[in-house]
């Protein structure tokens, strides 16, 4: 957009044009995308900081909210923030409620915040939306943990589901290929009598996001 020079400017010398750029936020979105790409190749506080910078430039991006939520829910102890994880996960779901992986992340975040009933609702919603069964194993793990924390221990059925999920996941994703973030969560989960599960986390921010490299 070009604006006419002011009278004062004309009197003082050659007219000066004031130029403003109105691209509908496209430039900021491109910068945010570059930051997001850098964040997905990093871990810990470095990834967190880059995701936060990206969201300041593109605050309505549900995928970025989702990935930051997953990092805050399952990252290393110094960056974990269950409350912030739930907040970002809710914004992801509000932005695109049809993505099963966003409900999965919200369920996992609610579990970390010890809102187990709400976690079960979101994890079941993830399973309903996940027609290809991409995130089934992860939904089952956090469902098992949530039910266990609520005392729903019917003949070990949820423990069995989790162990079946672990076995299925191990076949899909070799343990040597990815970090053990989920295993860290499960080993620290009181009330779950099945013992520690050795689960690896897929690349990206949240489990089960096959379409967006979660």
C-alpha atoms as a PDB file:
ATOM      1  CA  UNK A   1       0.000   0.000   0.000  1.00  0.00           C
ATOM      2  CA  UNK A   2       1.406   3.419  -1.004  1.00  0.00           C
ATOM      3  CA  UNK A   3       0.473   6.569   0.887  1.00  0.00           C
ATOM      4  CA  UNK A   4       0.782  10.148  -0.395  1.00  0.00           C
ATOM      5  CA  UNK A   5       3.545  12.266   1.131  1.00  0.00           C
ATOM      6  CA  UNK A   6       2.559  14.622   3.905  1.00  0.00           C
ATOM      7  CA  UNK A   7       2.607  18.426   3.240  1.00  0.00           C
ATOM      8  CA  UNK A   8       5.478  18.877   5.705  1.00  0.00           C
ATOM      9  CA  UNK A   9       7.535  16.314   3.884  1.00  0.00           C
ATOM     10  CA  UNK A  10       6.867  18.008   0.509  1.00  0.00           C
ATOM     11  CA  UNK A  11       7.947  21.394   1.818  1.00  0.00           C
ATOM     12  CA  UNK A  12      11.164  20.074   3.292  1.00  0.00           C
ATOM     13  CA  UNK A  13      12.385  18.345   0.195  1.00  0.00           C
ATOM     14  CA  UNK A  14      11.607  15.468  -2.176  1.00  0.00           C
ATOM     15  CA  UNK A  15       8.421  13.613  -1.261  1.00  0.00           C
ATOM     16  CA  UNK A  16       8.900  10.470   0.811  1.00  0.00           C
ATOM     17  CA  UNK A  17       6.582   7.561   0.253  1.00  0.00           C
ATOM     18  CA  UNK A  18       5.504   5.475   3.219  1.00  0.00           C
ATOM     19  CA  UNK A  19       5.282   1.801   2.313  1.00  0.00           C
ATOM     20  CA  UNK A  20       3.375  -0.738   4.379  1.00  0.00           C
ATOM     21  CA  UNK A  21       3.081  -4.440   3.682  1.00  0.00           C
ATOM     22  CA  UNK A  22      -0.323  -6.074   4.043  1.00  0.00           C
ATOM     23  CA  UNK A  23      -0.043  -9.731   3.053  1.00  0.00           C
ATOM     24  CA  UNK A  24      -2.731 -11.149   5.303  1.00  0.00           C
ATOM     25  CA  UNK A  25      -0.145 -12.577   7.713  1.00  0.00           C
ATOM     26  CA  UNK A  26       1.489 -14.751   5.073  1.00  0.00           C
ATOM     27  CA  UNK A  27       5.009 -13.580   5.934  1.00  0.00           C
ATOM     28  CA  UNK A  28       4.533 -14.435   9.609  1.00  0.00           C
ATOM     29  CA  UNK A  29       3.137 -17.843   8.713  1.00  0.00           C
ATOM     30  CA  UNK A  30       6.196 -18.575   6.575  1.00  0.00           C
ATOM     31  CA  UNK A  31       8.503 -17.581   9.416  1.00  0.00           C
ATOM     32  CA  UNK A  32       6.466 -19.737  11.796  1.00  0.00           C
ATOM     33  CA  UNK A  33       6.728 -22.693   9.435  1.00  0.00           C
ATOM     34  CA  UNK A  34      10.505 -22.391   9.313  1.00  0.00           C
ATOM     35  CA  UNK A  35      10.683 -22.275  13.111  1.00  0.00           C
ATOM     36  CA  UNK A  36       8.358 -25.280  13.343  1.00  0.00           C
ATOM     37  CA  UNK A  37      10.584 -27.284  10.992  1.00  0.00           C
ATOM     38  CA  UNK A  38      13.603 -26.475  13.128  1.00  0.00           C
ATOM     39  CA  UNK A  39      11.690 -27.425  16.292  1.00  0.00           C
ATOM     40  CA  UNK A  40      10.772 -30.877  14.984  1.00  0.00           C
ATOM     41  CA  UNK A  41      14.459 -31.736  14.605  1.00  0.00           C
ATOM     42  CA  UNK A  42      15.292 -30.720  18.159  1.00  0.00           C
ATOM     43  CA  UNK A  43      14.361 -31.874  21.643  1.00  0.00           C
ATOM     44  CA  UNK A  44      13.931 -30.525  25.150  1.00  0.00           C
ATOM     45  CA  UNK A  45      13.944 -26.812  25.842  1.00  0.00           C
ATOM     46  CA  UNK A  46      15.332 -26.008  22.381  1.00  0.00           C
ATOM     47  CA  UNK A  47      12.289 -27.569  20.715  1.00  0.00           C
ATOM     48  CA  UNK A  48       9.931 -25.971  23.222  1.00  0.00           C
ATOM     49  CA  UNK A  49      11.333 -22.494  22.659  1.00  0.00           C
ATOM     50  CA  UNK A  50      11.114 -22.802  18.872  1.00  0.00           C
ATOM     51  CA  UNK A  51       7.522 -24.057  19.019  1.00  0.00           C
ATOM     52  CA  UNK A  52       6.605 -21.127  21.256  1.00  0.00           C
ATOM     53  CA  UNK A  53       8.235 -18.660  18.859  1.00  0.00           C
ATOM     54  CA  UNK A  54       6.365 -20.222  15.953  1.00  0.00           C
ATOM     55  CA  UNK A  55       3.045 -19.931  17.758  1.00  0.00           C
ATOM     56  CA  UNK A  56       3.616 -16.263  18.512  1.00  0.00           C
ATOM     57  CA  UNK A  57       3.791 -15.732  14.750  1.00  0.00           C
ATOM     58  CA  UNK A  58       0.954 -18.122  13.870  1.00  0.00           C
ATOM     59  CA  UNK A  59      -1.211 -18.439  17.002  1.00  0.00           C
ATOM     60  CA  UNK A  60      -4.112 -20.109  15.265  1.00  0.00           C
ATOM     61  CA  UNK A  61      -2.162 -23.105  13.944  1.00  0.00           C
ATOM     62  CA  UNK A  62      -3.661 -26.265  15.518  1.00  0.00           C
ATOM     63  CA  UNK A  63      -0.810 -28.536  14.448  1.00  0.00           C
ATOM     64  CA  UNK A  64       1.756 -26.380  16.227  1.00  0.00           C
ATOM     65  CA  UNK A  65      -0.397 -26.211  19.351  1.00  0.00           C
ATOM     66  CA  UNK A  66      -0.686 -29.986  19.235  1.00  0.00           C
ATOM     67  CA  UNK A  67       3.014 -30.598  18.895  1.00  0.00           C
ATOM     68  CA  UNK A  68       3.913 -28.200  21.675  1.00  0.00           C
ATOM     69  CA  UNK A  69       1.276 -29.854  23.873  1.00  0.00           C
ATOM     70  CA  UNK A  70       2.796 -33.278  23.306  1.00  0.00           C
ATOM     71  CA  UNK A  71       6.274 -32.004  24.086  1.00  0.00           C
ATOM     72  CA  UNK A  72       5.105 -30.361  27.319  1.00  0.00           C
ATOM     73  CA  UNK A  73       3.216 -33.492  28.353  1.00  0.00           C
ATOM     74  CA  UNK A  74       5.913 -36.056  27.620  1.00  0.00           C
ATOM     75  CA  UNK A  75       9.214 -34.197  27.399  1.00  0.00           C
ATOM     76  CA  UNK A  76      12.095 -34.282  29.807  1.00  0.00           C
ATOM     77  CA  UNK A  77      11.281 -33.379  33.432  1.00  0.00           C
ATOM     78  CA  UNK A  78      12.690 -29.856  33.254  1.00  0.00           C
ATOM     79  CA  UNK A  79      10.251 -28.791  30.517  1.00  0.00           C
ATOM     80  CA  UNK A  80       7.136 -30.761  31.477  1.00  0.00           C
ATOM     81  CA  UNK A  81       4.084 -28.617  32.143  1.00  0.00           C
ATOM     82  CA  UNK A  82       0.840 -30.591  32.211  1.00  0.00           C
ATOM     83  CA  UNK A  83      -1.342 -27.502  32.601  1.00  0.00           C
ATOM     84  CA  UNK A  84       0.195 -25.763  29.590  1.00  0.00           C
ATOM     85  CA  UNK A  85       0.048 -29.030  27.639  1.00  0.00           C
ATOM     86  CA  UNK A  86      -3.700 -29.296  28.218  1.00  0.00           C
ATOM     87  CA  UNK A  87      -4.180 -25.654  27.226  1.00  0.00           C
ATOM     88  CA  UNK A  88      -2.349 -26.076  23.920  1.00  0.00           C
ATOM     89  CA  UNK A  89      -4.015 -29.414  23.230  1.00  0.00           C
ATOM     90  CA  UNK A  90      -7.456 -27.860  23.751  1.00  0.00           C
ATOM     91  CA  UNK A  91      -6.567 -25.121  21.272  1.00  0.00           C
ATOM     92  CA  UNK A  92      -5.525 -27.763  18.752  1.00  0.00           C
ATOM     93  CA  UNK A  93      -8.842 -29.590  19.144  1.00  0.00           C
ATOM     94  CA  UNK A  94     -10.747 -26.310  18.917  1.00  0.00           C
ATOM     95  CA  UNK A  95      -8.903 -25.529  15.681  1.00  0.00           C
ATOM     96  CA  UNK A  96      -9.582 -28.906  14.073  1.00  0.00           C
ATOM     97  CA  UNK A  97     -11.664 -31.321  16.111  1.00  0.00           C
ATOM     98  CA  UNK A  98     -11.692 -34.002  13.403  1.00  0.00           C
ATOM     99  CA  UNK A  99      -8.014 -34.899  13.819  1.00  0.00           C
ATOM    100  CA  UNK A 100      -7.787 -38.001  16.002  1.00  0.00           C
ATOM    101  CA  UNK A 101      -4.194 -37.221  16.947  1.00  0.00           C
ATOM    102  CA  UNK A 102      -5.234 -33.962  18.583  1.00  0.00           C
ATOM    103  CA  UNK A 103      -7.692 -35.801  20.825  1.00  0.00           C
ATOM    104  CA  UNK A 104      -4.972 -38.344  21.570  1.00  0.00           C
ATOM    105  CA  UNK A 105      -2.592 -35.588  22.665  1.00  0.00           C
ATOM    106  CA  UNK A 106      -5.321 -33.969  24.765  1.00  0.00           C
ATOM    107  CA  UNK A 107      -6.059 -37.313  26.412  1.00  0.00           C
ATOM    108  CA  UNK A 108      -2.392 -37.899  27.222  1.00  0.00           C
ATOM    109  CA  UNK A 109      -2.061 -34.341  28.562  1.00  0.00           C
ATOM    110  CA  UNK A 110      -5.157 -34.724  30.734  1.00  0.00           C
ATOM    111  CA  UNK A 111      -3.716 -37.964  32.084  1.00  0.00           C
ATOM    112  CA  UNK A 112      -0.539 -36.117  33.062  1.00  0.00           C
ATOM    113  CA  UNK A 113      -2.695 -33.485  34.786  1.00  0.00           C
ATOM    114  CA  UNK A 114      -4.464 -36.347  36.625  1.00  0.00           C
ATOM    115  CA  UNK A 115      -7.850 -35.569  35.076  1.00  0.00           C
ATOM    116  CA  UNK A 116      -8.401 -39.233  34.353  1.00  0.00           C
ATOM    117  CA  UNK A 117     -12.121 -39.175  33.539  1.00  0.00           C
ATOM    118  CA  UNK A 118     -11.621 -36.441  30.957  1.00  0.00           C
ATOM    119  CA  UNK A 119      -8.595 -38.259  29.578  1.00  0.00           C
ATOM    120  CA  UNK A 120     -10.694 -41.365  28.969  1.00  0.00           C
ATOM    121  CA  UNK A 121     -13.307 -39.334  27.080  1.00  0.00           C
ATOM    122  CA  UNK A 122     -10.698 -37.788  24.782  1.00  0.00           C
ATOM    123  CA  UNK A 123      -8.825 -41.027  24.192  1.00  0.00           C
ATOM    124  CA  UNK A 124     -12.042 -42.806  23.266  1.00  0.00           C
ATOM    125  CA  UNK A 125     -12.860 -39.932  20.910  1.00  0.00           C
ATOM    126  CA  UNK A 126      -9.444 -40.394  19.318  1.00  0.00           C
ATOM    127  CA  UNK A 127     -10.226 -44.064  18.736  1.00  0.00           C
ATOM    128  CA  UNK A 128     -13.584 -43.187  17.177  1.00  0.00           C
ATOM    129  CA  UNK A 129     -11.977 -40.779  14.716  1.00  0.00           C
ATOM    130  CA  UNK A 130      -8.993 -43.000  13.940  1.00  0.00           C
ATOM    131  CA  UNK A 131     -10.583 -45.105  11.199  1.00  0.00           C
ATOM    132  CA  UNK A 132      -7.236 -46.621  10.150  1.00  0.00           C
ATOM    133  CA  UNK A 133      -6.155 -47.520  13.663  1.00  0.00           C
ATOM    134  CA  UNK A 134      -2.989 -45.424  13.429  1.00  0.00           C
ATOM    135  CA  UNK A 135      -2.970 -44.394  17.084  1.00  0.00           C
ATOM    136  CA  UNK A 136      -4.808 -47.353  18.595  1.00  0.00           C
ATOM    137  CA  UNK A 137      -1.825 -48.666  20.527  1.00  0.00           C
ATOM    138  CA  UNK A 138      -1.167 -45.298  22.131  1.00  0.00           C
ATOM    139  CA  UNK A 139      -4.811 -44.709  22.951  1.00  0.00           C
ATOM    140  CA  UNK A 140      -4.925 -48.105  24.650  1.00  0.00           C
ATOM    141  CA  UNK A 141      -1.830 -47.390  26.731  1.00  0.00           C
ATOM    142  CA  UNK A 142      -3.144 -44.132  28.153  1.00  0.00           C
ATOM    143  CA  UNK A 143      -6.615 -45.606  28.533  1.00  0.00           C
ATOM    144  CA  UNK A 144      -5.092 -48.444  30.530  1.00  0.00           C
ATOM    145  CA  UNK A 145      -3.212 -46.011  32.746  1.00  0.00           C
ATOM    146  CA  UNK A 146      -6.224 -43.767  33.284  1.00  0.00           C
ATOM    147  CA  UNK A 147      -8.520 -46.650  34.176  1.00  0.00           C
ATOM    148  CA  UNK A 148      -5.897 -48.051  36.538  1.00  0.00           C
ATOM    149  CA  UNK A 149      -5.592 -44.715  38.341  1.00  0.00           C
ATOM    150  CA  UNK A 150      -9.384 -44.691  38.762  1.00  0.00           C
ATOM    151  CA  UNK A 151      -9.330 -48.190  40.239  1.00  0.00           C
ATOM    152  CA  UNK A 152     -10.927 -49.908  37.252  1.00  0.00           C
ATOM    153  CA  UNK A 153      -8.871 -53.070  37.529  1.00  0.00           C
ATOM    154  CA  UNK A 154     -11.302 -55.699  36.286  1.00  0.00           C
ATOM    155  CA  UNK A 155      -9.217 -58.894  36.255  1.00  0.00           C
ATOM    156  CA  UNK A 156      -6.278 -57.031  34.826  1.00  0.00           C
ATOM    157  CA  UNK A 157      -8.064 -56.350  31.527  1.00  0.00           C
ATOM    158  CA  UNK A 158      -6.538 -52.888  31.141  1.00  0.00           C
ATOM    159  CA  UNK A 159      -3.106 -54.179  32.038  1.00  0.00           C
ATOM    160  CA  UNK A 160      -3.512 -56.818  29.340  1.00  0.00           C
ATOM    161  CA  UNK A 161      -4.573 -54.208  26.792  1.00  0.00           C
ATOM    162  CA  UNK A 162      -1.523 -52.119  27.531  1.00  0.00           C
ATOM    163  CA  UNK A 163       0.835 -55.063  27.173  1.00  0.00           C
ATOM    164  CA  UNK A 164      -0.779 -56.045  23.881  1.00  0.00           C
ATOM    165  CA  UNK A 165      -0.392 -52.451  22.756  1.00  0.00           C
ATOM    166  CA  UNK A 166       3.270 -52.516  23.773  1.00  0.00           C
ATOM    167  CA  UNK A 167       3.873 -55.663  21.754  1.00  0.00           C
ATOM    168  CA  UNK A 168       2.121 -54.261  18.700  1.00  0.00           C
ATOM    169  CA  UNK A 169       4.024 -51.004  18.936  1.00  0.00           C
ATOM    170  CA  UNK A 170       7.365 -52.778  19.244  1.00  0.00           C
ATOM    171  CA  UNK A 171       6.715 -54.560  15.951  1.00  0.00           C
ATOM    172  CA  UNK A 172       5.877 -51.284  14.194  1.00  0.00           C
ATOM    173  CA  UNK A 173       8.640 -49.129  15.660  1.00  0.00           C
ATOM    174  CA  UNK A 174      11.959 -50.714  16.662  1.00  0.00           C
ATOM    175  CA  UNK A 175      13.139 -49.598  20.086  1.00  0.00           C
ATOM    176  CA  UNK A 176      16.515 -48.546  18.715  1.00  0.00           C
ATOM    177  CA  UNK A 177      14.968 -46.043  16.321  1.00  0.00           C
ATOM    178  CA  UNK A 178      13.297 -43.603  18.715  1.00  0.00           C
ATOM    179  CA  UNK A 179      13.660 -42.167  22.231  1.00  0.00           C
ATOM    180  CA  UNK A 180      11.927 -43.686  25.245  1.00  0.00           C
ATOM    181  CA  UNK A 181       9.719 -40.765  26.336  1.00  0.00           C
ATOM    182  CA  UNK A 182       6.566 -42.825  26.763  1.00  0.00           C
ATOM    183  CA  UNK A 183       8.446 -45.444  28.703  1.00  0.00           C
ATOM    184  CA  UNK A 184       9.525 -42.725  31.116  1.00  0.00           C
ATOM    185  CA  UNK A 185       5.896 -41.786  31.684  1.00  0.00           C
ATOM    186  CA  UNK A 186       4.764 -45.332  32.272  1.00  0.00           C
ATOM    187  CA  UNK A 187       7.569 -46.149  34.677  1.00  0.00           C
ATOM    188  CA  UNK A 188       6.559 -43.163  36.815  1.00  0.00           C
ATOM    189  CA  UNK A 189       2.836 -43.980  36.792  1.00  0.00           C
ATOM    190  CA  UNK A 190       1.584 -45.041  40.242  1.00  0.00           C
ATOM    191  CA  UNK A 191      -1.302 -47.456  40.493  1.00  0.00           C
ATOM    192  CA  UNK A 192      -0.429 -49.329  37.322  1.00  0.00           C
ATOM    193  CA  UNK A 193       0.380 -52.836  38.387  1.00  0.00           C
ATOM    194  CA  UNK A 194       1.553 -54.194  35.052  1.00  0.00           C
ATOM    195  CA  UNK A 195       5.081 -52.993  35.665  1.00  0.00           C
ATOM    196  CA  UNK A 196       7.208 -50.760  33.462  1.00  0.00           C
ATOM    197  CA  UNK A 197       6.492 -50.777  29.764  1.00  0.00           C
ATOM    198  CA  UNK A 198       9.255 -50.045  27.295  1.00  0.00           C
ATOM    199  CA  UNK A 199       7.552 -47.821  24.724  1.00  0.00           C
ATOM    200  CA  UNK A 200       9.176 -45.567  22.157  1.00  0.00           C
ATOM    201  CA  UNK A 201       7.772 -42.276  20.923  1.00  0.00           C
ATOM    202  CA  UNK A 202       7.226 -41.584  17.225  1.00  0.00           C
ATOM    203  CA  UNK A 203       9.092 -38.713  15.666  1.00  0.00           C
ATOM    204  CA  UNK A 204       7.358 -35.396  16.219  1.00  0.00           C
ATOM    205  CA  UNK A 205       5.141 -33.918  18.814  1.00  0.00           C
ATOM    206  CA  UNK A 206       2.416 -36.371  19.513  1.00  0.00           C
ATOM    207  CA  UNK A 207       1.672 -40.008  19.215  1.00  0.00           C
ATOM    208  CA  UNK A 208      -0.338 -41.305  16.323  1.00  0.00           C
ATOM    209  CA  UNK A 209      -0.062 -38.311  13.997  1.00  0.00           C
ATOM    210  CA  UNK A 210       0.748 -40.134  10.822  1.00  0.00           C
ATOM    211  CA  UNK A 211      -0.631 -37.516   8.495  1.00  0.00           C
ATOM    212  CA  UNK A 212       1.298 -34.590  10.013  1.00  0.00           C
ATOM    213  CA  UNK A 213       4.458 -36.240  11.313  1.00  0.00           C
ATOM    214  CA  UNK A 214       3.310 -35.820  14.897  1.00  0.00           C
END
